[in-house]
């Protein structure tokens, strides 16, 4: 016996129920605090938090599969679903739209029963332009394995179930998934569903994204706000190496999957912690804009301040400013100097062409307590 699906007990998973119960209660407590915080935050801030979290989620789930989407395209797709007024010049990328609609269906329609056709629909959403030989929206008809690494240097983590058994295996998963009730441990259900689906690997491509999606579905059943405000995919992407190690060790282990569930629970906890960091960033941004609102900023400065507060990557230079704002170098320099005088930007120590600018750091960012959000 090489893989877990070859075990005579498959798919009768076992795990430490006491530890799982404690973990569930801890996660529920985190959700309760998160819900109270979100309730106390204004509607506009909540929308921005959701936009950031969902954008990170879509980008994260793609990057796990070594696909890189254009962030602005993802933001536009999500923003329009949230009913936000987005820049009309932003283009909607078909792949980005597919990833976003996949999560949207899982989390906003979490109570809707799973079916073969629903899985086929999910696969069609994300495989906009499948590679040659990959069948879209139908179960695979050949061998498949879970790999990581660059092409020609991939590492095989495990081989999936034979294609002849895929329909039968998916039928078992679907029946089990639709039998889960609210009184069950939905965190455990999420971990099991993710593992079960990725073990079957029923499609020619897109299985990892769909496994995370079915896991999200069960977490949304646990907490209705999960769909908008917590990103497990982004957390897994940031811990991708550990993710593949856990999958591999679990696939080659016995039917006791306690280590997998423990790791999965920790990822959920980290995901909620990441949401609090996003809340902190949005609140800091709101506070800063309240101060800048008293100043006479021009349209270019408003645009660039907003971009910088969206967690600007790389060096900001006057030439980059001029390029983005479509203005002259001299105009860009004047814009930047004005923001330096206001205390928003600071120049690097290097001079001349090497000069770049960063946001002036005020108070040290920290994890806020409930009282920071007006909770007691």
Protein backbone atom coordinates (compact mmCIF):
# COMPACT_ATOMS: atom_id res chain seq x y z
CA UNK A 1 0.00 0.00 0.00
CA UNK A 2 1.57 3.28 -1.16
CA UNK A 3 -1.19 5.88 -0.86
CA UNK A 4 -4.05 6.57 1.52
CA UNK A 5 -6.71 5.81 -1.10
CA UNK A 6 -5.32 2.27 -1.39
CA UNK A 7 -6.09 1.62 2.29
CA UNK A 8 -8.96 -0.89 2.74
CA UNK A 9 -10.58 1.60 5.15
CA UNK A 10 -10.60 4.46 2.61
CA UNK A 11 -12.35 6.91 2.90
CA UNK A 12 -13.20 6.29 6.58
CA UNK A 13 -10.93 8.94 8.12
CA UNK A 14 -10.21 9.03 11.83
CA UNK A 15 -8.83 11.82 14.03
CA UNK A 16 -8.47 13.02 17.62
CA UNK A 17 -12.02 14.22 18.31
CA UNK A 18 -11.12 15.89 21.63
CA UNK A 19 -8.38 18.00 20.04
CA UNK A 20 -10.69 18.82 17.12
CA UNK A 21 -13.41 20.04 19.49
CA UNK A 22 -10.98 22.33 21.32
CA UNK A 23 -9.74 23.69 18.00
CA UNK A 24 -13.31 24.34 16.83
CA UNK A 25 -14.12 26.30 19.98
CA UNK A 26 -10.96 28.41 19.58
CA UNK A 27 -11.83 29.21 15.97
CA UNK A 28 -15.43 30.02 16.92
CA UNK A 29 -14.15 32.44 19.56
CA UNK A 30 -11.96 34.16 16.96
CA UNK A 31 -14.94 34.46 14.65
CA UNK A 32 -17.04 35.98 17.42
CA UNK A 33 -14.45 38.71 17.98
CA UNK A 34 -14.13 39.25 14.22
CA UNK A 35 -17.90 39.53 13.84
CA UNK A 36 -18.14 42.09 16.66
CA UNK A 37 -15.32 44.12 15.12
CA UNK A 38 -16.93 44.07 11.67
CA UNK A 39 -20.29 45.06 13.15
CA UNK A 40 -18.65 48.10 14.71
CA UNK A 41 -16.98 49.24 11.48
CA UNK A 42 -18.67 51.52 8.96
CA UNK A 43 -20.13 50.07 5.76
CA UNK A 44 -17.53 51.68 3.46
CA UNK A 45 -14.66 50.32 5.55
CA UNK A 46 -16.22 46.85 5.58
CA UNK A 47 -16.48 46.95 1.79
CA UNK A 48 -12.83 47.90 1.46
CA UNK A 49 -11.80 45.14 3.86
CA UNK A 50 -13.80 42.62 1.84
CA UNK A 51 -12.25 43.91 -1.38
CA UNK A 52 -8.72 43.51 -0.04
CA UNK A 53 -9.33 40.07 1.50
CA UNK A 54 -11.08 38.67 -1.57
CA UNK A 55 -8.42 40.08 -3.89
CA UNK A 56 -5.70 38.44 -1.80
CA UNK A 57 -7.69 35.21 -1.86
CA UNK A 58 -8.05 35.12 -5.65
CA UNK A 59 -4.39 36.01 -6.18
CA UNK A 60 -3.30 33.49 -3.54
CA UNK A 61 -5.28 30.54 -4.91
CA UNK A 62 -3.82 31.19 -8.37
CA UNK A 63 -0.26 31.59 -7.17
CA UNK A 64 -0.42 28.22 -5.39
CA UNK A 65 -0.93 26.81 -8.90
CA UNK A 66 1.91 28.99 -10.30
CA UNK A 67 -0.53 31.24 -12.16
CA UNK A 68 -0.12 35.00 -11.80
CA UNK A 69 -3.15 37.21 -12.30
CA UNK A 70 -3.16 40.98 -12.73
CA UNK A 71 -4.14 42.38 -9.27
CA UNK A 72 -6.09 45.33 -10.68
CA UNK A 73 -8.16 43.03 -12.88
CA UNK A 74 -8.98 40.88 -9.86
CA UNK A 75 -9.91 43.96 -7.79
CA UNK A 76 -12.20 45.19 -10.54
CA UNK A 77 -13.98 41.85 -10.82
CA UNK A 78 -14.49 41.62 -7.06
CA UNK A 79 -15.38 45.29 -6.67
CA UNK A 80 -18.19 45.03 -9.20
CA UNK A 81 -19.60 41.98 -7.41
CA UNK A 82 -19.53 43.96 -4.16
CA UNK A 83 -21.40 46.78 -5.87
CA UNK A 84 -18.47 49.19 -5.66
CA UNK A 85 -17.82 51.92 -8.22
CA UNK A 86 -14.65 50.76 -9.98
CA UNK A 87 -12.54 52.50 -12.61
CA UNK A 88 -14.40 51.99 -15.90
CA UNK A 89 -11.08 51.69 -17.75
CA UNK A 90 -10.08 48.57 -15.82
CA UNK A 91 -10.29 45.42 -17.90
CA UNK A 92 -11.83 42.25 -16.50
CA UNK A 93 -9.57 39.27 -17.11
CA UNK A 94 -11.51 36.08 -17.89
CA UNK A 95 -9.30 33.96 -15.61
CA UNK A 96 -9.69 36.43 -12.77
CA UNK A 97 -13.44 36.47 -13.25
CA UNK A 98 -13.52 32.67 -13.19
CA UNK A 99 -11.59 32.45 -9.91
CA UNK A 100 -13.78 35.11 -8.31
CA UNK A 101 -17.06 33.54 -9.45
CA UNK A 102 -15.85 30.15 -8.18
CA UNK A 103 -15.44 31.40 -4.62
CA UNK A 104 -18.59 33.50 -4.89
CA UNK A 105 -20.70 30.45 -5.67
CA UNK A 106 -19.14 28.36 -2.89
CA UNK A 107 -19.47 30.94 -0.12
CA UNK A 108 -22.64 32.81 -1.07
CA UNK A 109 -24.44 29.56 -1.89
CA UNK A 110 -22.82 27.46 0.82
CA UNK A 111 -26.07 25.69 1.76
CA UNK A 112 -26.80 24.60 -1.81
CA UNK A 113 -26.18 20.84 -2.21
CA UNK A 114 -23.10 19.74 -4.10
CA UNK A 115 -23.65 17.78 -7.32
CA UNK A 116 -21.55 16.45 -10.18
CA UNK A 117 -22.90 19.23 -12.39
CA UNK A 118 -21.93 21.90 -9.86
CA UNK A 119 -18.37 20.59 -9.83
CA UNK A 120 -18.37 20.56 -13.64
CA UNK A 121 -19.49 24.19 -13.56
CA UNK A 122 -16.71 25.14 -11.14
CA UNK A 123 -14.13 23.50 -13.38
CA UNK A 124 -15.44 25.40 -16.40
CA UNK A 125 -15.24 28.69 -14.52
CA UNK A 126 -11.52 28.37 -13.81
CA UNK A 127 -10.29 26.60 -16.95
CA UNK A 128 -10.93 29.45 -19.34
CA UNK A 129 -8.09 28.42 -21.66
CA UNK A 130 -7.10 24.88 -20.63
CA UNK A 131 -3.77 23.49 -21.79
CA UNK A 132 -3.84 21.15 -24.74
CA UNK A 133 -5.22 17.72 -23.86
CA UNK A 134 -7.04 18.81 -20.68
CA UNK A 135 -10.79 18.22 -20.77
CA UNK A 136 -12.79 21.12 -19.34
CA UNK A 137 -15.90 20.62 -17.22
CA UNK A 138 -15.74 16.82 -17.10
CA UNK A 139 -13.94 14.23 -15.02
CA UNK A 140 -10.51 13.19 -16.24
CA UNK A 141 -9.99 10.10 -18.34
CA UNK A 142 -6.36 9.43 -17.52
CA UNK A 143 -3.62 9.24 -14.89
CA UNK A 144 -2.78 12.31 -12.81
CA UNK A 145 -0.42 13.17 -9.94
CA UNK A 146 0.10 16.14 -7.62
CA UNK A 147 3.32 17.94 -8.51
CA UNK A 148 5.20 21.04 -7.42
CA UNK A 149 8.21 22.86 -8.76
CA UNK A 150 9.26 24.03 -12.21
CA UNK A 151 8.60 22.05 -15.36
CA UNK A 152 11.09 19.19 -15.88
CA UNK A 153 12.08 19.55 -12.21
CA UNK A 154 8.73 18.71 -10.64
CA UNK A 155 8.45 16.69 -7.47
CA UNK A 156 5.72 14.05 -7.33
CA UNK A 157 3.92 14.38 -3.99
CA UNK A 158 1.36 11.65 -4.66
CA UNK A 159 -0.62 9.94 -7.38
CA UNK A 160 -4.39 10.36 -7.46
CA UNK A 161 -6.99 7.59 -7.63
CA UNK A 162 -7.30 5.71 -10.97
CA UNK A 163 -9.48 7.52 -13.49
CA UNK A 164 -11.81 4.52 -13.76
CA UNK A 165 -12.94 5.09 -10.16
CA UNK A 166 -13.28 8.89 -10.25
CA UNK A 167 -17.07 9.04 -10.72
CA UNK A 168 -17.67 6.51 -7.93
CA UNK A 169 -15.26 8.32 -5.60
CA UNK A 170 -16.88 11.69 -6.32
CA UNK A 171 -20.31 10.19 -5.68
CA UNK A 172 -19.15 9.14 -2.20
CA UNK A 173 -17.77 12.63 -1.50
CA UNK A 174 -20.96 14.31 -2.72
CA UNK A 175 -23.21 12.10 -0.59
CA UNK A 176 -21.03 12.72 2.48
CA UNK A 177 -20.85 16.49 1.84
CA UNK A 178 -24.62 16.82 1.57
CA UNK A 179 -25.13 14.82 4.78
CA UNK A 180 -23.16 17.33 6.89
CA UNK A 181 -25.48 19.34 9.16
CA UNK A 182 -24.85 22.61 11.08
CA UNK A 183 -24.47 20.69 14.34
CA UNK A 184 -21.42 18.88 12.92
CA UNK A 185 -17.87 20.15 13.33
CA UNK A 186 -17.70 22.24 10.15
CA UNK A 187 -14.00 23.04 10.59
CA UNK A 188 -13.26 19.32 10.48
CA UNK A 189 -15.66 18.94 7.55
CA UNK A 190 -13.74 21.66 5.70
CA UNK A 191 -10.39 19.95 6.34
CA UNK A 192 -11.70 16.52 5.33
CA UNK A 193 -13.47 17.80 2.21
CA UNK A 194 -10.32 19.57 1.04
CA UNK A 195 -8.17 16.49 1.57
CA UNK A 196 -10.75 14.08 0.12
CA UNK A 197 -11.23 16.11 -3.06
CA UNK A 198 -7.52 16.68 -3.67
CA UNK A 199 -6.90 12.94 -3.17
CA UNK A 200 -9.43 12.07 -5.88
CA UNK A 201 -8.11 14.84 -8.15
CA UNK A 202 -11.10 14.32 -10.43
CA UNK A 203 -10.25 16.84 -13.16
CA UNK A 204 -7.43 17.26 -15.61
CA UNK A 205 -6.57 20.66 -14.11
CA UNK A 206 -7.84 23.09 -11.47
CA UNK A 207 -8.10 20.50 -8.67
CA UNK A 208 -6.13 22.49 -6.09
CA UNK A 209 -8.28 25.59 -6.53
CA UNK A 210 -11.45 23.51 -6.35
CA UNK A 211 -10.24 21.66 -3.22
CA UNK A 212 -9.70 24.98 -1.47
CA UNK A 213 -13.09 26.11 -2.75
CA UNK A 214 -14.99 23.17 -1.26
CA UNK A 215 -13.12 23.81 2.00
CA UNK A 216 -14.29 27.43 1.85
CA UNK A 217 -17.86 26.22 1.34
CA UNK A 218 -17.90 24.44 4.70
CA UNK A 219 -16.25 27.37 6.46
CA UNK A 220 -18.96 29.65 5.04
CA UNK A 221 -21.55 27.33 6.54
CA UNK A 222 -19.86 27.84 9.90
CA UNK A 223 -19.76 31.61 9.60
CA UNK A 224 -21.70 33.64 7.02
CA UNK A 225 -19.09 36.41 7.03
CA UNK A 226 -16.31 33.96 6.19
CA UNK A 227 -17.02 34.28 2.46
CA UNK A 228 -16.08 37.97 2.37
CA UNK A 229 -13.61 38.43 5.18
CA UNK A 230 -11.31 35.39 5.57
CA UNK A 231 -8.87 34.06 2.98
CA UNK A 232 -7.55 30.54 3.54
CA UNK A 233 -6.13 30.40 -0.01
CA UNK A 234 -3.90 33.42 0.60
CA UNK A 235 -2.62 31.83 3.82
CA UNK A 236 -1.92 28.51 2.10
CA UNK A 237 -0.07 30.35 -0.66
CA UNK A 238 2.17 31.97 1.95
CA UNK A 239 2.77 28.52 3.48
CA UNK A 240 2.88 26.63 0.18
CA UNK A 241 5.94 24.53 1.00
CA UNK A 242 4.37 23.26 4.24
CA UNK A 243 1.10 22.65 2.38
CA UNK A 244 2.73 20.27 -0.08
CA UNK A 245 4.67 18.54 2.70
CA UNK A 246 1.46 17.99 4.67
CA UNK A 247 -0.38 16.67 1.63
CA UNK A 248 2.43 14.27 0.84
CA UNK A 249 2.84 12.92 4.38
CA UNK A 250 -0.94 12.54 4.76
CA UNK A 251 -1.31 10.76 1.43
CA UNK A 252 1.39 8.29 2.43
CA UNK A 253 0.09 7.80 5.97
CA UNK A 254 -2.74 5.86 7.56
CA UNK A 255 -6.39 6.80 7.98
CA UNK A 256 -5.70 8.86 11.12
CA UNK A 257 -5.44 12.38 9.68
CA UNK A 258 -5.06 14.28 12.97
CA UNK A 259 -1.80 15.99 11.83
CA UNK A 260 -3.49 17.25 8.65
CA UNK A 261 -6.48 18.60 10.59
CA UNK A 262 -4.19 20.25 13.15
CA UNK A 263 -2.22 21.97 10.37
CA UNK A 264 -5.41 23.01 8.56
CA UNK A 265 -6.85 24.50 11.75
CA UNK A 266 -3.67 26.52 12.23
CA UNK A 267 -4.02 27.88 8.70
CA UNK A 268 -7.59 28.98 9.46
CA UNK A 269 -6.38 30.70 12.63
CA UNK A 270 -3.65 32.48 10.65
CA UNK A 271 -6.24 33.48 8.06
CA UNK A 272 -8.38 35.17 10.70
CA UNK A 273 -5.29 36.88 12.13
CA UNK A 274 -4.48 38.14 8.63
CA UNK A 275 -7.98 39.62 8.40
CA UNK A 276 -7.33 41.62 11.56
CA UNK A 277 -4.15 42.93 9.92
CA UNK A 278 -6.20 44.03 6.91
CA UNK A 279 -8.71 45.72 9.24
CA UNK A 280 -5.81 47.51 10.91
CA UNK A 281 -4.49 48.71 7.54
CA UNK A 282 -7.91 49.95 6.42
CA UNK A 283 -8.47 51.81 9.69
CA UNK A 284 -5.03 53.42 9.46
CA UNK A 285 -5.81 54.44 5.89
CA UNK A 286 -9.11 55.96 7.00
CA UNK A 287 -7.39 57.90 9.78
CA UNK A 288 -4.72 59.16 7.39
CA UNK A 289 -7.24 60.26 4.77
CA UNK A 290 -9.11 62.15 7.48
CA UNK A 291 -5.93 64.16 8.08
CA UNK A 292 -5.12 64.62 4.38
CA UNK A 293 -8.70 65.74 3.65
CA UNK A 294 -7.81 69.05 5.27
CA UNK A 295 -5.11 69.60 2.63
CA UNK A 296 -5.61 70.69 -0.97
CA UNK A 297 -4.41 67.62 -2.82
CA UNK A 298 -4.68 67.51 -6.58
CA UNK A 299 -6.14 64.56 -8.51
CA UNK A 300 -2.69 63.07 -9.16
CA UNK A 301 -1.74 63.15 -5.50
CA UNK A 302 -5.06 61.62 -4.46
CA UNK A 303 -4.57 58.80 -6.97
CA UNK A 304 -0.99 58.09 -5.87
CA UNK A 305 -1.71 58.30 -2.15
CA UNK A 306 -4.47 55.74 -2.66
CA UNK A 307 -2.11 53.43 -4.58
CA UNK A 308 0.59 53.75 -1.92
CA UNK A 309 -1.88 52.97 0.84
CA UNK A 310 -2.87 49.82 -1.05
CA UNK A 311 0.51 48.35 -0.02
CA UNK A 312 2.74 49.67 -2.80
CA UNK A 313 5.36 47.17 -4.00
CA UNK A 314 8.79 48.27 -5.21
CA UNK A 315 10.44 51.69 -5.28
CA UNK A 316 8.40 54.82 -5.93
CA UNK A 317 10.36 57.29 -8.07
CA UNK A 318 9.43 60.57 -9.70
CA UNK A 319 9.64 58.87 -13.12
CA UNK A 320 7.26 56.14 -11.98
CA UNK A 321 4.90 58.82 -10.64
CA UNK A 322 5.07 60.68 -13.98
CA UNK A 323 4.38 57.45 -15.89
CA UNK A 324 1.34 56.50 -13.80
CA UNK A 325 -0.15 60.01 -13.70
CA UNK A 326 0.81 60.81 -17.30
CA UNK A 327 2.47 64.06 -16.32
CA UNK A 328 5.90 65.64 -16.71
CA UNK A 329 8.86 64.76 -14.50
CA UNK A 330 8.85 68.29 -13.05
CA UNK A 331 5.16 68.04 -12.16
CA UNK A 332 5.74 64.66 -10.51
CA UNK A 333 8.61 66.09 -8.47
CA UNK A 334 6.46 69.00 -7.26
CA UNK A 335 3.65 66.61 -6.31
CA UNK A 336 6.06 64.46 -4.32
CA UNK A 337 7.76 67.39 -2.58
CA UNK A 338 4.35 68.66 -1.43
CA UNK A 339 3.57 65.27 0.12
CA UNK A 340 6.98 65.27 1.82
CA UNK A 341 6.17 68.64 3.41
CA UNK A 342 2.85 67.19 4.60
CA UNK A 343 4.77 64.34 6.24
CA UNK A 344 3.23 61.62 4.08
CA UNK A 345 6.35 60.69 2.07
CA UNK A 346 10.02 60.55 2.88
CA UNK A 347 13.00 60.43 0.50
CA UNK A 348 15.65 57.72 0.53
CA UNK A 349 19.22 58.53 1.49
CA UNK A 350 20.39 57.97 -2.09
CA UNK A 351 20.40 61.02 -4.35
CA UNK A 352 19.93 61.80 -8.03
CA UNK A 353 18.37 59.16 -10.28
CA UNK A 354 18.51 56.64 -7.42
CA UNK A 355 16.23 58.69 -5.18
CA UNK A 356 13.03 56.90 -4.29
CA UNK A 357 10.24 57.63 -1.84
CA UNK A 358 8.38 55.67 0.79
CA UNK A 359 5.44 56.35 3.05
CA UNK A 360 6.51 57.98 6.29
CA UNK A 361 6.00 55.51 9.10
CA UNK A 362 4.06 56.89 12.01
CA UNK A 363 3.05 54.73 14.89
CA UNK A 364 4.20 51.14 14.90
CA UNK A 365 1.53 48.88 13.45
CA UNK A 366 0.21 46.53 16.07
CA UNK A 367 -2.52 44.01 16.65
CA UNK A 368 -5.45 45.97 18.04
CA UNK A 369 -7.47 44.84 20.99
CA UNK A 370 -11.26 44.87 20.98
CA UNK A 371 -11.23 48.23 22.78
CA UNK A 372 -9.34 49.76 19.84
CA UNK A 373 -12.40 49.03 17.71
CA UNK A 374 -14.82 50.44 20.26
CA UNK A 375 -15.56 47.05 21.83
CA UNK A 376 -15.40 46.35 25.53
